[in-house]
Amino acid sequence: MPLTLTLDSHGEQLVAAHLRSGFYHSPEEVVTRALETLAEKERAAPARTMTPAEAVADIRELRKGVTLGGLRIKDLINEGREY
């Protein structure tokens, strides 16, 4: 069944950029490949909603070993104000 889509200007720019690359020959090819890529990504990593407690635990785990090289947040904020 044919389907007609209307893209916003950003979507049009993305399609045009892919067409200019020469890898794709039509807007339909670009959209088809984008949908295939999205489906592959969704199959590989199914979406899961974390509870707030799980999110906090995840953030804490990701922050392990991350340092500011002896700097303090306060110092970084003050340095940012100079610019």
PDB file of N, CA and C in Angstrom:
ATOM      1  N   MET A   1       0.847  -1.171   0.000  1.00  0.00           N
ATOM      2  CA  MET A   1       0.000   0.000   0.000  1.00  0.00           C
ATOM      3  C   MET A   1       0.894   1.236   0.000  1.00  0.00           C
ATOM      4  N   PRO A   2       0.802   2.100  -0.982  1.00  0.00           N
ATOM      5  CA  PRO A   2       1.610   3.322  -1.029  1.00  0.00           C
ATOM      6  C   PRO A   2       1.254   4.254   0.121  1.00  0.00           C
ATOM      7  N   LEU A   3       2.253   4.948   0.607  1.00  0.00           N
ATOM      8  CA  LEU A   3       2.081   5.866   1.724  1.00  0.00           C
ATOM      9  C   LEU A   3       2.770   7.173   1.367  1.00  0.00           C
ATOM     10  N   THR A   4       2.099   8.263   1.601  1.00  0.00           N
ATOM     11  CA  THR A   4       2.679   9.577   1.343  1.00  0.00           C
ATOM     12  C   THR A   4       3.044  10.212   2.670  1.00  0.00           C
ATOM     13  N   LEU A   5       4.291  10.673   2.772  1.00  0.00           N
ATOM     14  CA  LEU A   5       4.771  11.312   3.992  1.00  0.00           C
ATOM     15  C   LEU A   5       5.114  12.762   3.704  1.00  0.00           C
ATOM     16  N   THR A   6       4.917  13.604   4.701  1.00  0.00           N
ATOM     17  CA  THR A   6       5.329  14.998   4.617  1.00  0.00           C
ATOM     18  C   THR A   6       6.402  15.204   5.678  1.00  0.00           C
ATOM     19  N   LEU A   7       7.590  15.604   5.248  1.00  0.00           N
ATOM     20  CA  LEU A   7       8.698  15.825   6.166  1.00  0.00           C
ATOM     21  C   LEU A   7       8.810  17.298   6.512  1.00  0.00           C
ATOM     22  N   ASP A   8       9.267  17.565   7.721  1.00  0.00           N
ATOM     23  CA  ASP A   8       9.568  18.954   8.063  1.00  0.00           C
ATOM     24  C   ASP A   8      10.897  19.323   7.390  1.00  0.00           C
ATOM     25  N   SER A   9      11.307  20.563   7.520  1.00  0.00           N
ATOM     26  CA  SER A   9      12.513  21.001   6.813  1.00  0.00           C
ATOM     27  C   SER A   9      13.749  20.231   7.260  1.00  0.00           C
ATOM     28  N   HIS A  10      13.815  19.875   8.531  1.00  0.00           N
ATOM     29  CA  HIS A  10      14.967  19.107   9.013  1.00  0.00           C
ATOM     30  C   HIS A  10      15.002  17.728   8.351  1.00  0.00           C
ATOM     31  N   GLY A  11      13.852  17.063   8.284  1.00  0.00           N
ATOM     32  CA  GLY A  11      13.776  15.766   7.625  1.00  0.00           C
ATOM     33  C   GLY A  11      14.154  15.856   6.156  1.00  0.00           C
ATOM     34  N   GLU A  12      13.702  16.905   5.491  1.00  0.00           N
ATOM     35  CA  GLU A  12      14.044  17.104   4.084  1.00  0.00           C
ATOM     36  C   GLU A  12      15.546  17.292   3.912  1.00  0.00           C
ATOM     37  N   GLN A  13      16.152  18.044   4.818  1.00  0.00           N
ATOM     38  CA  GLN A  13      17.605  18.265   4.753  1.00  0.00           C
ATOM     39  C   GLN A  13      18.367  16.964   4.951  1.00  0.00           C
ATOM     40  N   LEU A  14      17.903  16.131   5.873  1.00  0.00           N
ATOM     41  CA  LEU A  14      18.563  14.849   6.106  1.00  0.00           C
ATOM     42  C   LEU A  14      18.481  13.951   4.870  1.00  0.00           C
ATOM     43  N   VAL A  15      17.303  13.871   4.286  1.00  0.00           N
ATOM     44  CA  VAL A  15      17.133  13.049   3.088  1.00  0.00           C
ATOM     45  C   VAL A  15      18.006  13.596   1.958  1.00  0.00           C
ATOM     46  N   ALA A  16      17.999  14.910   1.774  1.00  0.00           N
ATOM     47  CA  ALA A  16      18.796  15.517   0.704  1.00  0.00           C
ATOM     48  C   ALA A  16      20.286  15.238   0.902  1.00  0.00           C
ATOM     49  N   ALA A  17      20.750  15.293   2.147  1.00  0.00           N
ATOM     50  CA  ALA A  17      22.170  15.035   2.417  1.00  0.00           C
ATOM     51  C   ALA A  17      22.533  13.598   2.053  1.00  0.00           C
ATOM     52  N   HIS A  18      21.659  12.654   2.358  1.00  0.00           N
ATOM     53  CA  HIS A  18      21.930  11.260   2.017  1.00  0.00           C
ATOM     54  C   HIS A  18      21.885  11.044   0.506  1.00  0.00           C
ATOM     55  N   LEU A  19      21.001  11.744  -0.173  1.00  0.00           N
ATOM     56  CA  LEU A  19      20.953  11.630  -1.633  1.00  0.00           C
ATOM     57  C   LEU A  19      22.212  12.196  -2.270  1.00  0.00           C
ATOM     58  N   ARG A  20      22.708  13.312  -1.717  1.00  0.00           N
ATOM     59  CA  ARG A  20      23.942  13.920  -2.249  1.00  0.00           C
ATOM     60  C   ARG A  20      25.147  13.003  -2.061  1.00  0.00           C
ATOM     61  N   SER A  21      25.103  12.144  -1.053  1.00  0.00           N
ATOM     62  CA  SER A  21      26.227  11.236  -0.808  1.00  0.00           C
ATOM     63  C   SER A  21      26.412  10.271  -1.979  1.00  0.00           C
ATOM     64  N   GLY A  22      25.352  10.070  -2.759  1.00  0.00           N
ATOM     65  CA  GLY A  22      25.424   9.168  -3.901  1.00  0.00           C
ATOM     66  C   GLY A  22      25.153   7.719  -3.544  1.00  0.00           C
ATOM     67  N   PHE A  23      25.055   7.422  -2.265  1.00  0.00           N
ATOM     68  CA  PHE A  23      24.808   6.051  -1.844  1.00  0.00           C
ATOM     69  C   PHE A  23      23.357   5.650  -2.076  1.00  0.00           C
ATOM     70  N   TYR A  24      22.467   6.614  -1.979  1.00  0.00           N
ATOM     71  CA  TYR A  24      21.042   6.366  -2.183  1.00  0.00           C
ATOM     72  C   TYR A  24      20.607   7.061  -3.473  1.00  0.00           C
ATOM     73  N   HIS A  25      19.644   6.459  -4.150  1.00  0.00           N
ATOM     74  CA  HIS A  25      19.207   6.994  -5.447  1.00  0.00           C
ATOM     75  C   HIS A  25      17.818   7.611  -5.421  1.00  0.00           C
ATOM     76  N   SER A  26      17.114   7.457  -4.288  1.00  0.00           N
ATOM     77  CA  SER A  26      15.779   8.038  -4.196  1.00  0.00           C
ATOM     78  C   SER A  26      15.441   8.294  -2.735  1.00  0.00           C
ATOM     79  N   PRO A  27      14.514   9.218  -2.494  1.00  0.00           N
ATOM     80  CA  PRO A  27      14.080   9.445  -1.119  1.00  0.00           C
ATOM     81  C   PRO A  27      13.503   8.177  -0.492  1.00  0.00           C
ATOM     82  N   GLU A  28      12.845   7.351  -1.304  1.00  0.00           N
ATOM     83  CA  GLU A  28      12.274   6.113  -0.794  1.00  0.00           C
ATOM     84  C   GLU A  28      13.357   5.189  -0.242  1.00  0.00           C
ATOM     85  N   GLU A  29      14.501   5.128  -0.925  1.00  0.00           N
ATOM     86  CA  GLU A  29      15.614   4.298  -0.443  1.00  0.00           C
ATOM     87  C   GLU A  29      16.115   4.801   0.903  1.00  0.00           C
ATOM     88  N   VAL A  30      16.221   6.118   1.042  1.00  0.00           N
ATOM     89  CA  VAL A  30      16.704   6.703   2.296  1.00  0.00           C
ATOM     90  C   VAL A  30      15.757   6.350   3.435  1.00  0.00           C
ATOM     91  N   VAL A  31      14.471   6.538   3.222  1.00  0.00           N
ATOM     92  CA  VAL A  31      13.481   6.278   4.270  1.00  0.00           C
ATOM     93  C   VAL A  31      13.431   4.786   4.595  1.00  0.00           C
ATOM     94  N   THR A  32      13.477   3.936   3.585  1.00  0.00           N
ATOM     95  CA  THR A  32      13.450   2.492   3.820  1.00  0.00           C
ATOM     96  C   THR A  32      14.645   2.065   4.656  1.00  0.00           C
ATOM     97  N   ARG A  33      15.831   2.549   4.308  1.00  0.00           N
ATOM     98  CA  ARG A  33      17.033   2.185   5.072  1.00  0.00           C
ATOM     99  C   ARG A  33      16.953   2.717   6.502  1.00  0.00           C
ATOM    100  N   ALA A  34      16.418   3.913   6.674  1.00  0.00           N
ATOM    101  CA  ALA A  34      16.275   4.476   8.015  1.00  0.00           C
ATOM    102  C   ALA A  34      15.342   3.619   8.859  1.00  0.00           C
ATOM    103  N   LEU A  35      14.245   3.178   8.273  1.00  0.00           N
ATOM    104  CA  LEU A  35      13.293   2.338   9.004  1.00  0.00           C
ATOM    105  C   LEU A  35      13.894   0.971   9.331  1.00  0.00           C
ATOM    106  N   GLU A  36      14.663   0.408   8.400  1.00  0.00           N
ATOM    107  CA  GLU A  36      15.326  -0.872   8.660  1.00  0.00           C
ATOM    108  C   GLU A  36      16.334  -0.733   9.805  1.00  0.00           C
ATOM    109  N   THR A  37      17.087   0.352   9.797  1.00  0.00           N
ATOM    110  CA  THR A  37      18.076   0.599  10.849  1.00  0.00           C
ATOM    111  C   THR A  37      17.388   0.765  12.198  1.00  0.00           C
ATOM    112  N   LEU A  38      16.293   1.494  12.223  1.00  0.00           N
ATOM    113  CA  LEU A  38      15.535   1.680  13.453  1.00  0.00           C
ATOM    114  C   LEU A  38      15.014   0.344  13.986  1.00  0.00           C
ATOM    115  N   ALA A  39      14.494  -0.492  13.100  1.00  0.00           N
ATOM    116  CA  ALA A  39      13.979  -1.796  13.516  1.00  0.00           C
ATOM    117  C   ALA A  39      15.102  -2.659  14.083  1.00  0.00           C
ATOM    118  N   GLU A  40      16.281  -2.640  13.456  1.00  0.00           N
ATOM    119  CA  GLU A  40      17.430  -3.405  13.953  1.00  0.00           C
ATOM    120  C   GLU A  40      17.840  -2.917  15.336  1.00  0.00           C
ATOM    121  N   LYS A  41      17.870  -1.618  15.509  1.00  0.00           N
ATOM    122  CA  LYS A  41      18.269  -1.039  16.789  1.00  0.00           C
ATOM    123  C   LYS A  41      17.271  -1.406  17.885  1.00  0.00           C
ATOM    124  N   GLU A  42      16.001  -1.360  17.569  1.00  0.00           N
ATOM    125  CA  GLU A  42      14.977  -1.695  18.555  1.00  0.00           C
ATOM    126  C   GLU A  42      15.026  -3.171  18.926  1.00  0.00           C
ATOM    127  N   ARG A  43      15.339  -4.036  17.970  1.00  0.00           N
ATOM    128  CA  ARG A  43      15.460  -5.468  18.267  1.00  0.00           C
ATOM    129  C   ARG A  43      16.673  -5.731  19.149  1.00  0.00           C
ATOM    130  N   ALA A  44      17.755  -5.002  18.894  1.00  0.00           N
ATOM    131  CA  ALA A  44      18.998  -5.220  19.624  1.00  0.00           C
ATOM    132  C   ALA A  44      18.903  -4.749  21.067  1.00  0.00           C
ATOM    133  N   ALA A  45      18.206  -3.666  21.306  1.00  0.00           N
ATOM    134  CA  ALA A  45      18.118  -3.102  22.654  1.00  0.00           C
ATOM    135  C   ALA A  45      16.678  -2.708  22.951  1.00  0.00           C
ATOM    136  N   PRO A  46      15.883  -3.653  23.415  1.00  0.00           N
ATOM    137  CA  PRO A  46      14.489  -3.307  23.702  1.00  0.00           C
ATOM    138  C   PRO A  46      14.412  -2.219  24.777  1.00  0.00           C
ATOM    139  N   ALA A  47      13.491  -1.311  24.585  1.00  0.00           N
ATOM    140  CA  ALA A  47      13.326  -0.196  25.519  1.00  0.00           C
ATOM    141  C   ALA A  47      12.850  -0.713  26.865  1.00  0.00           C
ATOM    142  N   ARG A  48      13.402  -0.141  27.920  1.00  0.00           N
ATOM    143  CA  ARG A  48      13.002  -0.526  29.264  1.00  0.00           C
ATOM    144  C   ARG A  48      12.990   0.726  30.117  1.00  0.00           C
ATOM    145  N   THR A  49      11.933   0.907  30.841  1.00  0.00           N
ATOM    146  CA  THR A  49      11.820   2.062  31.721  1.00  0.00           C
ATOM    147  C   THR A  49      12.376   1.689  33.088  1.00  0.00           C
ATOM    148  N   MET A  50      13.289   2.543  33.575  1.00  0.00           N
ATOM    149  CA  MET A  50      13.869   2.309  34.890  1.00  0.00           C
ATOM    150  C   MET A  50      13.060   3.018  35.957  1.00  0.00           C
ATOM    151  N   THR A  51      13.079   2.423  37.122  1.00  0.00           N
ATOM    152  CA  THR A  51      12.494   3.109  38.269  1.00  0.00           C
ATOM    153  C   THR A  51      13.485   4.196  38.691  1.00  0.00           C
ATOM    154  N   PRO A  52      13.036   5.186  39.442  1.00  0.00           N
ATOM    155  CA  PRO A  52      13.985   6.214  39.913  1.00  0.00           C
ATOM    156  C   PRO A  52      15.164   5.612  40.681  1.00  0.00           C
ATOM    157  N   ALA A  53      14.911   4.613  41.489  1.00  0.00           N
ATOM    158  CA  ALA A  53      15.988   3.982  42.258  1.00  0.00           C
ATOM    159  C   ALA A  53      16.993   3.302  41.326  1.00  0.00           C
ATOM    160  N   GLU A  54      16.488   2.638  40.270  1.00  0.00           N
ATOM    161  CA  GLU A  54      17.380   1.999  39.301  1.00  0.00           C
ATOM    162  C   GLU A  54      18.199   3.044  38.550  1.00  0.00           C
ATOM    163  N   ALA A  55      17.575   4.164  38.213  1.00  0.00           N
ATOM    164  CA  ALA A  55      18.281   5.234  37.505  1.00  0.00           C
ATOM    165  C   ALA A  55      19.405   5.800  38.370  1.00  0.00           C
ATOM    166  N   VAL A  56      19.133   6.016  39.643  1.00  0.00           N
ATOM    167  CA  VAL A  56      20.156   6.531  40.561  1.00  0.00           C
ATOM    168  C   VAL A  56      21.305   5.536  40.663  1.00  0.00           C
ATOM    169  N   ALA A  57      20.986   4.261  40.808  1.00  0.00           N
ATOM    170  CA  ALA A  57      22.022   3.231  40.899  1.00  0.00           C
ATOM    171  C   ALA A  57      22.846   3.179  39.619  1.00  0.00           C
ATOM    172  N   ASP A  58      22.188   3.322  38.480  1.00  0.00           N
ATOM    173  CA  ASP A  58      22.879   3.318  37.190  1.00  0.00           C
ATOM    174  C   ASP A  58      23.829   4.511  37.077  1.00  0.00           C
ATOM    175  N   ILE A  59      23.369   5.675  37.468  1.00  0.00           N
ATOM    176  CA  ILE A  59      24.201   6.881  37.425  1.00  0.00           C
ATOM    177  C   ILE A  59      25.402   6.716  38.345  1.00  0.00           C
ATOM    178  N   ARG A  60      25.174   6.199  39.548  1.00  0.00           N
ATOM    179  CA  ARG A  60      26.288   5.986  40.482  1.00  0.00           C
ATOM    180  C   ARG A  60      27.318   5.026  39.904  1.00  0.00           C
ATOM    181  N   GLU A  61      26.851   3.979  39.246  1.00  0.00           N
ATOM    182  CA  GLU A  61      27.771   3.007  38.646  1.00  0.00           C
ATOM    183  C   GLU A  61      28.571   3.650  37.518  1.00  0.00           C
ATOM    184  N   LEU A  62      27.900   4.456  36.702  1.00  0.00           N
ATOM    185  CA  LEU A  62      28.587   5.118  35.590  1.00  0.00           C
ATOM    186  C   LEU A  62      29.612   6.135  36.064  1.00  0.00           C
ATOM    187  N   ARG A  63      29.381   6.716  37.243  1.00  0.00           N
ATOM    188  CA  ARG A  63      30.278   7.749  37.760  1.00  0.00           C
ATOM    189  C   ARG A  63      31.510   7.182  38.449  1.00  0.00           C
ATOM    190  N   LYS A  64      31.525   5.892  38.719  1.00  0.00           N
ATOM    191  CA  LYS A  64      32.666   5.288  39.405  1.00  0.00           C
ATOM    192  C   LYS A  64      33.935   5.535  38.595  1.00  0.00           C
ATOM    193  N   GLY A  65      34.940   6.022  39.280  1.00  0.00           N
ATOM    194  CA  GLY A  65      36.223   6.261  38.633  1.00  0.00           C
ATOM    195  C   GLY A  65      36.316   7.577  37.897  1.00  0.00           C
ATOM    196  N   VAL A  66      35.228   8.327  37.828  1.00  0.00           N
ATOM    197  CA  VAL A  66      35.237   9.621  37.154  1.00  0.00           C
ATOM    198  C   VAL A  66      35.683  10.676  38.156  1.00  0.00           C
ATOM    199  N   THR A  67      36.733  11.390  37.802  1.00  0.00           N
ATOM    200  CA  THR A  67      37.234  12.443  38.686  1.00  0.00           C
ATOM    201  C   THR A  67      37.294  13.757  37.931  1.00  0.00           C
ATOM    202  N   LEU A  68      37.450  14.803  38.685  1.00  0.00           N
ATOM    203  CA  LEU A  68      37.597  16.130  38.094  1.00  0.00           C
ATOM    204  C   LEU A  68      39.052  16.582  38.158  1.00  0.00           C
ATOM    205  N   GLY A  69      39.957  15.642  38.356  1.00  0.00           N
ATOM    206  CA  GLY A  69      41.369  15.978  38.386  1.00  0.00           C
ATOM    207  C   GLY A  69      41.720  16.947  39.503  1.00  0.00           C
ATOM    208  N   GLY A  70      41.082  16.801  40.647  1.00  0.00           N
ATOM    209  CA  GLY A  70      41.361  17.663  41.788  1.00  0.00           C
ATOM    210  C   GLY A  70      40.595  18.973  41.782  1.00  0.00           C
ATOM    211  N   LEU A  71      39.873  19.256  40.724  1.00  0.00           N
ATOM    212  CA  LEU A  71      39.091  20.490  40.657  1.00  0.00           C
ATOM    213  C   LEU A  71      37.789  20.321  41.419  1.00  0.00           C
ATOM    214  N   ARG A  72      37.264  21.434  41.871  1.00  0.00           N
ATOM    215  CA  ARG A  72      35.969  21.423  42.532  1.00  0.00           C
ATOM    216  C   ARG A  72      34.935  21.999  41.578  1.00  0.00           C
ATOM    217  N   ILE A  73      33.699  21.559  41.698  1.00  0.00           N
ATOM    218  CA  ILE A  73      32.608  22.072  40.868  1.00  0.00           C
ATOM    219  C   ILE A  73      32.546  23.592  40.984  1.00  0.00           C
ATOM    220  N   LYS A  74      32.688  24.089  42.186  1.00  0.00           N
ATOM    221  CA  LYS A  74      32.642  25.531  42.432  1.00  0.00           C
ATOM    222  C   LYS A  74      33.693  26.265  41.596  1.00  0.00           C
ATOM    223  N   ASP A  75      34.906  25.702  41.514  1.00  0.00           N
ATOM    224  CA  ASP A  75      35.967  26.311  40.719  1.00  0.00           C
ATOM    225  C   ASP A  75      35.612  26.321  39.234  1.00  0.00           C
ATOM    226  N   LEU A  76      35.040  25.235  38.763  1.00  0.00           N
ATOM    227  CA  LEU A  76      34.651  25.160  37.354  1.00  0.00           C
ATOM    228  C   LEU A  76      33.549  26.167  37.023  1.00  0.00           C
ATOM    229  N   ILE A  77      32.623  26.341  37.929  1.00  0.00           N
ATOM    230  CA  ILE A  77      31.545  27.312  37.714  1.00  0.00           C
ATOM    231  C   ILE A  77      32.127  28.719  37.634  1.00  0.00           C
ATOM    232  N   ASN A  78      33.016  29.024  38.554  1.00  0.00           N
ATOM    233  CA  ASN A  78      33.636  30.356  38.552  1.00  0.00           C
ATOM    234  C   ASN A  78      34.465  30.571  37.294  1.00  0.00           C
ATOM    235  N   GLU A  79      35.154  29.548  36.847  1.00  0.00           N
ATOM    236  CA  GLU A  79      35.946  29.673  35.630  1.00  0.00           C
ATOM    237  C   GLU A  79      35.027  29.903  34.427  1.00  0.00           C
ATOM    238  N   GLY A  80      33.888  29.233  34.396  1.00  0.00           N
ATOM    239  CA  GLY A  80      32.945  29.399  33.303  1.00  0.00           C
ATOM    240  C   GLY A  80      32.377  30.810  33.243  1.00  0.00           C
ATOM    241  N   ARG A  81      32.252  31.449  34.355  1.00  0.00           N
ATOM    242  CA  ARG A  81      31.707  32.821  34.399  1.00  0.00           C
ATOM    243  C   ARG A  81      32.657  33.819  33.750  1.00  0.00           C
ATOM    244  N   GLU A  82      33.937  33.471  33.685  1.00  0.00           N
ATOM    245  CA  GLU A  82      34.923  34.374  33.096  1.00  0.00           C
ATOM    246  C   GLU A  82      34.730  34.506  31.593  1.00  0.00           C
ATOM    247  N   TYR A  83      34.041  33.541  30.979  1.00  0.00           N
ATOM    248  CA  TYR A  83      33.885  33.543  29.530  1.00  0.00           C
ATOM    249  C   TYR A  83      32.534  33.986  29.210  1.00  0.00           C
TER     250      TYR A  83
END
